[in-house]
């Protein structure tokens, strides 16, 4: 029997009628939800795979107090994690919880969360969440410290990798499947205006290597790629606007036409002076799908590429251009790159099989995000044959980032499941869905109706109980 309870109700009071030109990132399913809900024994349509024992978690922005639609940027809303716990074919619970921060504590009139806040950042992680080194971490870029969560998604406190993180972290670390170590490129626009930092975290959850990397500007280094030989630095033309920063902007980034665009290949054990810098087509990449080395010494990078970013739309990522899937093949010897478009259609939130991070791979998965509509299919790319498959969730239905989970006894690269949340615009509801990654024609393997709407958010992961 489904049982639902709620505890916190946020004091969000913005009325769109008060603003004749509302911020699109505060409307529809971008708008925040009011309650923290706990629901048990959720009904399942279809059959949940019995090998899915763990939690599917996803983080995203959910402002806890009133915001100004004219200046609010989607990226700075307070973090909220949505999670569903599966066990032996049952959906045991759904929870959504704010990620603790100084801002959330102040809104609730309670003491600040514990843990070192190295740059006095009032906000909390709102971008990614996952399991690493036996701990559940919520993460954000631009200087914020990770926040540790309990299994049930309650905030424990800030966790700077047990006192070993010197400063900033990121929302987009990559875990090397061979070593189990986590790799990140971090930035902190308020504190570091002339460099970013490479950070490596060991399997014990402690930082074991850092490298400062000078840059000519404070680039918004959103993500990172790794290969067997390199850590890839993305130095792109979205930079801190110092005038906006000094004027008090909470997200002072914008496009700079004359900055150029380049990637840096940092040898795994190298220093900043060892980086091989290579110019790439001018544009912006939030999310690479994967990267790997070739036998002849080149580096392949598959990326979701925008022609321009934050030139006129200063409230979010979708107003200036949309992302297409592109392959770059970089040659460290000649410092040149060739670019090929894999798919001209919209591709975002790319994922692949995690055991092939930094390795040659065949299959990738994306969300076909169209923020102006309520129709976001899930897409599968065969990067060898060029075949593209589309899972259509139906009219008025929009699916988020597709997280791949391999079948424990599977041998094929795509033998597994895709997990995601789907928003149904016809009744403003949400579902957790499971798709067979090998057989889109099968339809949903399972659907779980959730007790409330899940706003469009960012990233998440499947965390197996044995992890």
Protein backbone atom coordinates (compact mmCIF):
# COMPACT_ATOMS: atom_id res chain seq x y z
CA UNK A 1 0.00 0.00 0.00
CA UNK A 2 1.34 3.44 -0.94
CA UNK A 3 1.85 5.70 2.04
CA UNK A 4 2.97 9.32 1.66
CA UNK A 5 4.05 11.93 4.17
CA UNK A 6 5.56 15.40 3.88
CA UNK A 7 7.41 17.49 6.43
CA UNK A 8 9.04 20.69 5.17
CA UNK A 9 7.12 23.16 3.03
CA UNK A 10 9.30 25.82 1.50
CA UNK A 11 8.32 29.52 1.69
CA UNK A 12 8.45 30.12 -2.08
CA UNK A 13 6.06 32.94 -2.92
CA UNK A 14 6.82 34.14 -6.45
CA UNK A 15 3.68 34.86 -8.45
CA UNK A 16 4.14 34.78 -12.21
CA UNK A 17 1.24 37.21 -12.59
CA UNK A 18 3.43 39.81 -10.93
CA UNK A 19 5.99 39.51 -13.73
CA UNK A 20 4.74 40.06 -17.30
CA UNK A 21 7.88 38.42 -18.78
CA UNK A 22 8.53 35.41 -16.52
CA UNK A 23 11.85 33.60 -16.41
CA UNK A 24 11.31 30.37 -18.38
CA UNK A 25 13.54 28.53 -15.89
CA UNK A 26 10.97 29.19 -13.18
CA UNK A 27 7.90 28.12 -15.14
CA UNK A 28 6.29 24.80 -16.02
CA UNK A 29 8.37 21.84 -14.89
CA UNK A 30 11.39 24.08 -14.29
CA UNK A 31 9.48 25.56 -11.34
CA UNK A 32 10.34 24.29 -7.85
CA UNK A 33 8.20 21.96 -5.76
CA UNK A 34 7.07 22.99 -2.31
CA UNK A 35 7.29 19.88 -0.14
CA UNK A 36 9.79 17.31 0.99
CA UNK A 37 7.89 14.05 0.59
CA UNK A 38 8.43 10.47 1.75
CA UNK A 39 6.43 7.70 0.11
CA UNK A 40 6.64 3.95 0.75
CA UNK A 41 5.58 0.90 -1.24
CA UNK A 42 5.05 2.61 -4.58
CA UNK A 43 2.93 0.73 -7.16
CA UNK A 44 4.85 -0.66 -10.13
CA UNK A 45 3.52 -0.92 -13.68
CA UNK A 46 5.38 -3.72 -15.41
CA UNK A 47 8.18 -5.55 -13.64
CA UNK A 48 11.25 -3.99 -12.02
CA UNK A 49 14.38 -6.07 -12.75
CA UNK A 50 15.24 -8.05 -9.62
CA UNK A 51 18.94 -7.24 -10.04
CA UNK A 52 18.28 -3.52 -9.48
CA UNK A 53 18.96 -3.33 -5.75
CA UNK A 54 19.91 0.17 -4.71
CA UNK A 55 18.95 3.79 -5.26
CA UNK A 56 18.44 5.94 -8.32
CA UNK A 57 19.33 9.50 -7.25
CA UNK A 58 19.12 12.80 -9.12
CA UNK A 59 20.02 16.35 -8.07
CA UNK A 60 18.66 19.65 -9.35
CA UNK A 61 17.90 23.29 -8.49
CA UNK A 62 14.84 24.06 -6.36
CA UNK A 63 14.83 27.60 -4.86
CA UNK A 64 13.72 27.51 -1.23
CA UNK A 65 12.80 31.20 -1.02
CA UNK A 66 11.45 33.86 -3.35
CA UNK A 67 13.77 34.83 -6.20
CA UNK A 68 13.80 37.68 -8.72
CA UNK A 69 12.78 36.24 -12.10
CA UNK A 70 14.68 38.98 -13.93
CA UNK A 71 18.05 37.90 -12.55
CA UNK A 72 17.58 34.31 -11.40
CA UNK A 73 19.81 31.77 -13.16
CA UNK A 74 18.69 28.15 -13.31
CA UNK A 75 22.12 26.97 -12.16
CA UNK A 76 21.95 28.65 -8.74
CA UNK A 77 18.72 27.30 -7.26
CA UNK A 78 19.05 25.46 -3.94
CA UNK A 79 19.89 21.78 -4.35
CA UNK A 80 17.23 19.11 -4.03
CA UNK A 81 17.88 15.39 -4.40
CA UNK A 82 15.12 13.07 -5.58
CA UNK A 83 15.64 9.37 -4.95
CA UNK A 84 13.88 6.05 -5.35
CA UNK A 85 14.99 2.88 -3.57
CA UNK A 86 14.51 -0.46 -5.38
CA UNK A 87 14.85 -3.93 -3.89
CA UNK A 88 13.97 -7.36 -5.29
CA UNK A 89 11.50 -5.99 -7.81
CA UNK A 90 9.84 -3.53 -5.42
CA UNK A 91 9.90 0.27 -5.24
CA UNK A 92 10.34 0.58 -1.48
CA UNK A 93 10.46 4.36 -1.18
CA UNK A 94 10.67 7.74 -2.84
CA UNK A 95 12.17 10.75 -1.10
CA UNK A 96 13.06 14.28 -2.06
CA UNK A 97 15.26 16.32 0.26
CA UNK A 98 16.95 19.69 0.13
CA UNK A 99 20.73 19.46 0.22
CA UNK A 100 21.89 21.28 3.32
CA UNK A 101 23.54 24.70 2.99
CA UNK A 102 23.79 28.02 4.80
CA UNK A 103 20.93 29.34 2.66
CA UNK A 104 18.63 26.40 3.39
CA UNK A 105 19.42 26.57 7.11
CA UNK A 106 18.71 30.31 7.20
CA UNK A 107 15.39 29.82 5.39
CA UNK A 108 14.38 27.25 8.00
CA UNK A 109 15.67 29.23 10.96
CA UNK A 110 18.07 26.51 12.07
CA UNK A 111 21.82 26.29 12.65
CA UNK A 112 24.13 26.02 9.67
CA UNK A 113 25.17 22.54 8.61
CA UNK A 114 28.52 21.29 9.97
CA UNK A 115 31.76 20.98 8.03
CA UNK A 116 34.46 23.31 6.69
CA UNK A 117 33.13 25.89 4.25
CA UNK A 118 36.46 26.94 2.74
CA UNK A 119 35.13 29.95 0.79
CA UNK A 120 32.07 30.79 2.93
CA UNK A 121 29.77 29.73 0.08
CA UNK A 122 26.15 30.16 1.23
CA UNK A 123 24.76 27.79 -1.39
CA UNK A 124 24.74 24.02 -1.50
CA UNK A 125 25.34 21.37 -4.15
CA UNK A 126 22.54 21.32 -6.72
CA UNK A 127 24.07 19.59 -9.74
CA UNK A 128 25.03 15.95 -9.19
CA UNK A 129 24.72 13.17 -6.62
CA UNK A 130 26.21 9.71 -6.41
CA UNK A 131 28.00 7.10 -4.38
CA UNK A 132 31.77 6.94 -3.94
CA UNK A 133 34.00 5.39 -1.29
CA UNK A 134 30.99 4.12 0.63
CA UNK A 135 29.46 7.59 0.95
CA UNK A 136 26.65 9.47 -0.78
CA UNK A 137 27.89 12.83 -2.09
CA UNK A 138 25.98 15.83 -3.46
CA UNK A 139 28.19 17.96 -5.70
CA UNK A 140 28.38 21.35 -7.39
CA UNK A 141 30.97 23.28 -9.37
CA UNK A 142 32.38 26.81 -8.99
CA UNK A 143 33.93 26.44 -5.55
CA UNK A 144 31.33 24.62 -3.49
CA UNK A 145 32.27 21.83 -1.11
CA UNK A 146 30.59 18.41 -1.52
CA UNK A 147 27.87 17.64 1.01
CA UNK A 148 27.53 14.16 2.51
CA UNK A 149 24.06 12.60 2.64
CA UNK A 150 22.71 9.62 4.52
CA UNK A 151 21.27 6.61 2.72
CA UNK A 152 17.83 8.22 3.23
CA UNK A 153 19.11 11.51 1.71
CA UNK A 154 19.27 13.55 4.92
CA UNK A 155 22.17 16.01 5.12
CA UNK A 156 25.14 14.98 7.26
CA UNK A 157 27.26 18.06 6.52
CA UNK A 158 29.96 19.40 4.24
CA UNK A 159 32.62 16.80 3.54
CA UNK A 160 35.87 18.02 1.99
CA UNK A 161 37.00 14.45 1.48
CA UNK A 162 37.83 14.13 5.15
CA UNK A 163 39.94 17.29 5.28
CA UNK A 164 42.07 16.54 2.21
CA UNK A 165 40.42 18.83 -0.38
CA UNK A 166 42.37 22.12 -0.50
CA UNK A 167 39.58 24.21 -2.01
CA UNK A 168 37.02 23.81 -4.77
CA UNK A 169 35.45 20.70 -6.22
CA UNK A 170 33.17 20.00 -9.19
CA UNK A 171 29.85 18.42 -10.07
CA UNK A 172 31.35 16.30 -12.87
CA UNK A 173 34.12 14.03 -11.62
CA UNK A 174 35.00 10.94 -13.63
CA UNK A 175 35.78 7.59 -11.99
CA UNK A 176 38.45 5.49 -13.67
CA UNK A 177 37.01 1.95 -13.85
CA UNK A 178 40.51 0.43 -13.76
CA UNK A 179 41.84 2.19 -10.65
CA UNK A 180 38.61 3.26 -8.94
CA UNK A 181 40.04 6.76 -8.48
CA UNK A 182 37.98 9.88 -9.14
CA UNK A 183 39.31 12.68 -11.36
CA UNK A 184 38.10 16.28 -11.47
CA UNK A 185 38.90 19.72 -12.86
CA UNK A 186 37.75 22.35 -10.38
CA UNK A 187 37.36 26.13 -10.43
CA UNK A 188 36.32 28.84 -7.99
CA UNK A 189 35.54 32.10 -9.73
CA UNK A 190 35.38 34.16 -6.57
CA UNK A 191 38.77 33.00 -5.28
CA UNK A 192 40.82 31.77 -8.26
CA UNK A 193 40.80 34.15 -11.23
CA UNK A 194 43.94 32.83 -12.90
CA UNK A 195 43.83 29.04 -12.63
CA UNK A 196 41.82 25.88 -12.26
CA UNK A 197 42.90 22.75 -10.39
CA UNK A 198 43.13 19.09 -11.23
CA UNK A 199 42.08 16.95 -8.26
CA UNK A 200 42.41 13.18 -7.90
CA UNK A 201 40.55 11.34 -5.13
CA UNK A 202 41.57 7.85 -4.06
CA UNK A 203 39.30 4.90 -3.40
CA UNK A 204 39.45 5.77 0.31
CA UNK A 205 37.65 9.07 -0.39
CA UNK A 206 40.75 11.20 0.19
CA UNK A 207 42.52 13.55 -2.21
CA UNK A 208 45.91 12.18 -3.24
CA UNK A 209 46.98 14.57 -6.00
CA UNK A 210 46.37 18.16 -7.13
CA UNK A 211 47.80 20.22 -9.98
CA UNK A 212 47.22 23.96 -10.45
CA UNK A 213 46.61 24.83 -14.11
CA UNK A 214 47.02 28.50 -15.14
CA UNK A 215 44.45 29.88 -17.59
CA UNK A 216 44.32 33.25 -19.37
CA UNK A 217 40.75 33.81 -18.11
CA UNK A 218 38.40 32.36 -15.49
CA UNK A 219 36.67 29.92 -17.78
CA UNK A 220 33.53 28.06 -16.70
CA UNK A 221 35.12 24.60 -16.74
CA UNK A 222 31.95 22.62 -16.36
CA UNK A 223 33.17 19.07 -16.97
CA UNK A 224 36.22 16.88 -17.56
CA UNK A 225 37.16 13.87 -19.65
CA UNK A 226 39.71 11.18 -18.95
CA UNK A 227 41.51 8.64 -21.10
CA UNK A 228 44.12 6.05 -20.19
CA UNK A 229 46.83 8.63 -20.88
CA UNK A 230 45.27 12.03 -20.25
CA UNK A 231 42.99 14.23 -18.20
CA UNK A 232 41.24 16.63 -20.60
CA UNK A 233 40.84 20.31 -19.63
CA UNK A 234 38.12 22.32 -21.40
CA UNK A 235 39.13 26.02 -21.64
CA UNK A 236 36.15 27.69 -23.33
CA UNK A 237 34.78 31.17 -24.12
CA UNK A 238 32.25 31.41 -21.25
CA UNK A 239 34.12 33.45 -18.64
CA UNK A 240 33.55 35.40 -15.46
CA UNK A 241 32.28 38.90 -16.21
CA UNK A 242 34.03 40.92 -13.52
CA UNK A 243 31.67 43.88 -13.95
CA UNK A 244 28.71 41.60 -13.28
CA UNK A 245 30.53 39.98 -10.36
CA UNK A 246 31.29 43.31 -8.69
CA UNK A 247 27.68 44.37 -9.31
CA UNK A 248 26.56 41.43 -7.18
CA UNK A 249 25.53 38.87 -9.78
CA UNK A 250 25.29 35.38 -8.30
CA UNK A 251 26.18 33.83 -11.65
CA UNK A 252 28.47 36.33 -13.45
CA UNK A 253 29.35 34.32 -16.57
CA UNK A 254 28.92 35.29 -20.23
CA UNK A 255 30.18 34.55 -23.71
CA UNK A 256 33.38 36.21 -24.96
CA UNK A 257 33.74 36.21 -28.77
CA UNK A 258 37.50 36.70 -28.84
CA UNK A 259 38.60 34.15 -26.22
CA UNK A 260 38.84 31.15 -28.54
CA UNK A 261 38.30 27.53 -27.55
CA UNK A 262 40.82 24.83 -26.70
CA UNK A 263 41.36 21.57 -24.90
CA UNK A 264 44.36 20.69 -22.78
CA UNK A 265 45.72 17.14 -22.62
CA UNK A 266 47.28 16.77 -19.17
CA UNK A 267 49.33 13.55 -18.88
CA UNK A 268 47.95 11.50 -15.99
CA UNK A 269 51.11 12.02 -13.89
CA UNK A 270 52.19 15.28 -15.55
CA UNK A 271 52.35 18.89 -14.43
CA UNK A 272 50.78 22.01 -15.91
CA UNK A 273 53.83 22.59 -18.12
CA UNK A 274 53.28 19.16 -19.71
CA UNK A 275 49.79 20.03 -20.97
CA UNK A 276 49.33 19.81 -24.74
CA UNK A 277 46.96 22.60 -25.74
CA UNK A 278 44.95 22.12 -28.93
CA UNK A 279 42.53 24.61 -30.50
CA UNK A 280 39.05 23.22 -31.20
CA UNK A 281 36.02 24.73 -32.98
CA UNK A 282 34.69 27.79 -31.18
CA UNK A 283 31.63 26.95 -29.14
CA UNK A 284 30.82 25.50 -25.75
CA UNK A 285 30.63 22.01 -24.24
CA UNK A 286 28.84 21.41 -20.98
CA UNK A 287 28.98 17.62 -21.20
CA UNK A 288 31.29 15.21 -22.99
CA UNK A 289 29.89 11.74 -23.59
CA UNK A 290 33.23 9.92 -23.32
CA UNK A 291 36.83 10.07 -24.50
CA UNK A 292 39.55 7.53 -25.29
CA UNK A 293 43.02 7.07 -26.77
CA UNK A 294 43.57 5.46 -30.15
CA UNK A 295 46.33 3.04 -31.08
CA UNK A 296 48.06 5.71 -33.22
CA UNK A 297 48.27 8.20 -30.35
CA UNK A 298 45.22 10.35 -31.06
CA UNK A 299 42.42 11.22 -28.61
CA UNK A 300 38.73 10.81 -29.49
CA UNK A 301 36.24 13.04 -27.68
CA UNK A 302 32.48 12.81 -28.20
CA UNK A 303 30.81 15.98 -26.93
CA UNK A 304 27.47 17.81 -26.86
CA UNK A 305 28.47 21.01 -28.66
CA UNK A 306 26.77 24.43 -28.58
CA UNK A 307 27.68 27.07 -31.17
CA UNK A 308 27.24 29.83 -28.58
CA UNK A 309 26.34 29.95 -24.89
CA UNK A 310 25.16 32.71 -22.52
CA UNK A 311 25.52 35.50 -25.05
CA UNK A 312 21.92 36.74 -24.72
CA UNK A 313 20.26 34.16 -22.45
CA UNK A 314 21.80 34.96 -19.09
CA UNK A 315 19.27 32.92 -17.09
CA UNK A 316 20.08 29.43 -18.36
CA UNK A 317 21.68 27.28 -21.05
CA UNK A 318 19.04 26.82 -23.74
CA UNK A 319 18.21 30.27 -25.12
CA UNK A 320 21.16 30.92 -27.45
CA UNK A 321 21.66 27.59 -29.20
CA UNK A 322 21.03 23.88 -28.77
CA UNK A 323 23.60 21.09 -28.53
CA UNK A 324 24.38 18.61 -31.27
CA UNK A 325 26.54 15.51 -30.84
CA UNK A 326 30.02 16.01 -32.27
CA UNK A 327 33.19 13.91 -32.43
CA UNK A 328 36.60 15.57 -32.10
CA UNK A 329 39.73 13.57 -32.95
CA UNK A 330 42.72 15.40 -31.48
CA UNK A 331 46.30 14.74 -32.55
CA UNK A 332 48.77 15.60 -29.77
CA UNK A 333 51.71 15.35 -32.20
CA UNK A 334 50.43 18.05 -34.59
CA UNK A 335 48.21 19.87 -32.06
CA UNK A 336 45.30 19.74 -34.49
CA UNK A 337 41.76 18.42 -34.32
CA UNK A 338 39.23 17.14 -36.83
CA UNK A 339 35.52 17.56 -36.12
CA UNK A 340 32.62 15.43 -37.35
CA UNK A 341 28.94 15.85 -36.51
CA UNK A 342 27.41 12.59 -35.26
CA UNK A 343 23.86 13.92 -34.90
CA UNK A 344 22.51 17.35 -35.88
CA UNK A 345 19.47 16.90 -33.66
CA UNK A 346 19.39 18.03 -30.04
CA UNK A 347 21.53 15.91 -27.71
CA UNK A 348 22.19 16.64 -24.04
CA UNK A 349 22.90 14.88 -20.75
CA UNK A 350 25.05 12.20 -22.47
CA UNK A 351 25.84 8.93 -20.73
CA UNK A 352 27.64 5.70 -21.54
CA UNK A 353 28.47 2.45 -19.79
CA UNK A 354 30.51 3.51 -16.75
CA UNK A 355 32.89 0.55 -16.95
CA UNK A 356 34.12 2.04 -20.25
CA UNK A 357 34.88 5.55 -19.01
CA UNK A 358 38.08 6.62 -20.76
CA UNK A 359 37.98 3.52 -22.98
CA UNK A 360 36.97 2.79 -26.54
CA UNK A 361 33.20 2.27 -26.59
CA UNK A 362 30.31 1.81 -28.99
CA UNK A 363 27.08 3.05 -27.43
CA UNK A 364 26.02 6.39 -25.98
CA UNK A 365 22.70 7.67 -24.66
CA UNK A 366 21.24 11.19 -24.56
CA UNK A 367 18.12 13.17 -23.77
CA UNK A 368 16.68 15.07 -26.74
CA UNK A 369 16.05 18.21 -24.71
CA UNK A 370 13.75 20.85 -26.21
CA UNK A 371 12.94 23.32 -23.47
CA UNK A 372 10.27 24.99 -25.59
CA UNK A 373 8.23 21.77 -25.86
CA UNK A 374 7.17 18.96 -23.57
CA UNK A 375 8.47 16.15 -25.77
CA UNK A 376 11.93 14.87 -24.83
CA UNK A 377 12.72 11.40 -26.21
CA UNK A 378 15.59 9.20 -25.04
CA UNK A 379 18.18 8.55 -27.76
CA UNK A 380 20.66 5.71 -28.26
CA UNK A 381 23.66 6.15 -30.57
CA UNK A 382 25.63 3.31 -32.13
CA UNK A 383 28.91 5.13 -32.70
CA UNK A 384 30.25 2.35 -34.93
CA UNK A 385 27.39 1.97 -37.42
CA UNK A 386 25.92 5.45 -37.01
CA UNK A 387 22.50 4.01 -36.17
CA UNK A 388 20.31 6.23 -34.02
CA UNK A 389 17.36 4.85 -32.04
CA UNK A 390 14.72 6.94 -30.32
CA UNK A 391 12.54 5.95 -27.38
CA UNK A 392 9.47 8.17 -27.62
CA UNK A 393 7.91 8.61 -24.18
CA UNK A 394 4.72 9.94 -25.73
CA UNK A 395 3.00 13.30 -26.24
CA UNK A 396 3.64 15.86 -23.51
CA UNK A 397 6.25 13.58 -21.88
CA UNK A 398 9.85 14.65 -21.26
CA UNK A 399 12.64 12.34 -20.09
CA UNK A 400 15.78 13.49 -18.32
CA UNK A 401 19.33 12.16 -18.30
CA UNK A 402 19.40 8.41 -19.14
CA UNK A 403 21.58 6.54 -16.64
CA UNK A 404 22.91 3.21 -17.91
CA UNK A 405 23.08 0.24 -15.51
CA UNK A 406 24.66 -2.95 -16.82
CA UNK A 407 23.06 -6.32 -16.23
CA UNK A 408 25.28 -8.18 -13.74
CA UNK A 409 25.70 -11.23 -15.97
CA UNK A 410 25.63 -9.34 -19.28
CA UNK A 411 28.43 -9.57 -21.83
CA UNK A 412 27.37 -7.09 -24.53
CA UNK A 413 28.18 -3.42 -24.00
CA UNK A 414 24.53 -2.38 -24.20
CA UNK A 415 23.14 -5.26 -22.15
CA UNK A 416 21.46 -3.37 -19.36
CA UNK A 417 18.91 -0.81 -18.35
CA UNK A 418 18.36 2.92 -18.79
CA UNK A 419 16.92 4.68 -15.74
CA UNK A 420 15.41 8.14 -15.70
CA UNK A 421 12.59 10.37 -14.48
CA UNK A 422 9.86 11.32 -16.95
CA UNK A 423 7.65 14.39 -16.59
CA UNK A 424 4.09 14.06 -17.93
CA UNK A 425 2.85 17.49 -18.97
CA UNK A 426 -0.71 16.29 -19.42
CA UNK A 427 -1.26 16.03 -15.67
CA UNK A 428 1.94 17.58 -14.26
CA UNK A 429 3.08 14.27 -12.78
CA UNK A 430 6.32 12.28 -12.70
CA UNK A 431 7.38 8.69 -13.17
CA UNK A 432 10.55 6.71 -12.66
CA UNK A 433 11.03 4.45 -15.68
CA UNK A 434 13.23 1.52 -16.68
CA UNK A 435 14.04 0.93 -20.36
CA UNK A 436 15.79 -2.06 -21.93
CA UNK A 437 18.90 -0.50 -23.50
CA UNK A 438 19.10 -3.29 -26.08
CA UNK A 439 15.44 -3.24 -27.09
CA UNK A 440 13.67 0.12 -27.29
CA UNK A 441 10.81 -1.57 -29.14
CA UNK A 442 9.94 -3.46 -25.95
CA UNK A 443 8.50 -0.32 -24.41
CA UNK A 444 8.86 0.38 -20.73
CA UNK A 445 10.19 -2.51 -18.68
CA UNK A 446 8.73 -0.82 -15.60
CA UNK A 447 7.14 2.45 -14.54
CA UNK A 448 6.72 3.80 -11.04
CA UNK A 449 4.31 6.69 -10.55
CA UNK A 450 5.82 9.16 -8.10
CA UNK A 451 3.79 11.01 -5.46
CA UNK A 452 4.70 14.45 -6.77
CA UNK A 453 6.19 16.30 -9.72
CA UNK A 454 9.99 16.11 -10.19
CA UNK A 455 11.26 19.39 -11.68
CA UNK A 456 13.71 19.30 -14.56
CA UNK A 457 17.14 19.00 -13.02
CA UNK A 458 20.66 18.01 -13.78
CA UNK A 459 22.52 14.81 -12.99
CA UNK A 460 22.26 11.64 -11.01
CA UNK A 461 23.43 8.09 -10.70
CA UNK A 462 22.46 4.56 -9.81
CA UNK A 463 24.04 3.56 -6.49
CA UNK A 464 24.01 -0.18 -5.91
CA UNK A 465 23.55 -1.28 -2.34
CA UNK A 466 26.75 -3.29 -2.48
CA UNK A 467 28.64 -0.10 -3.38
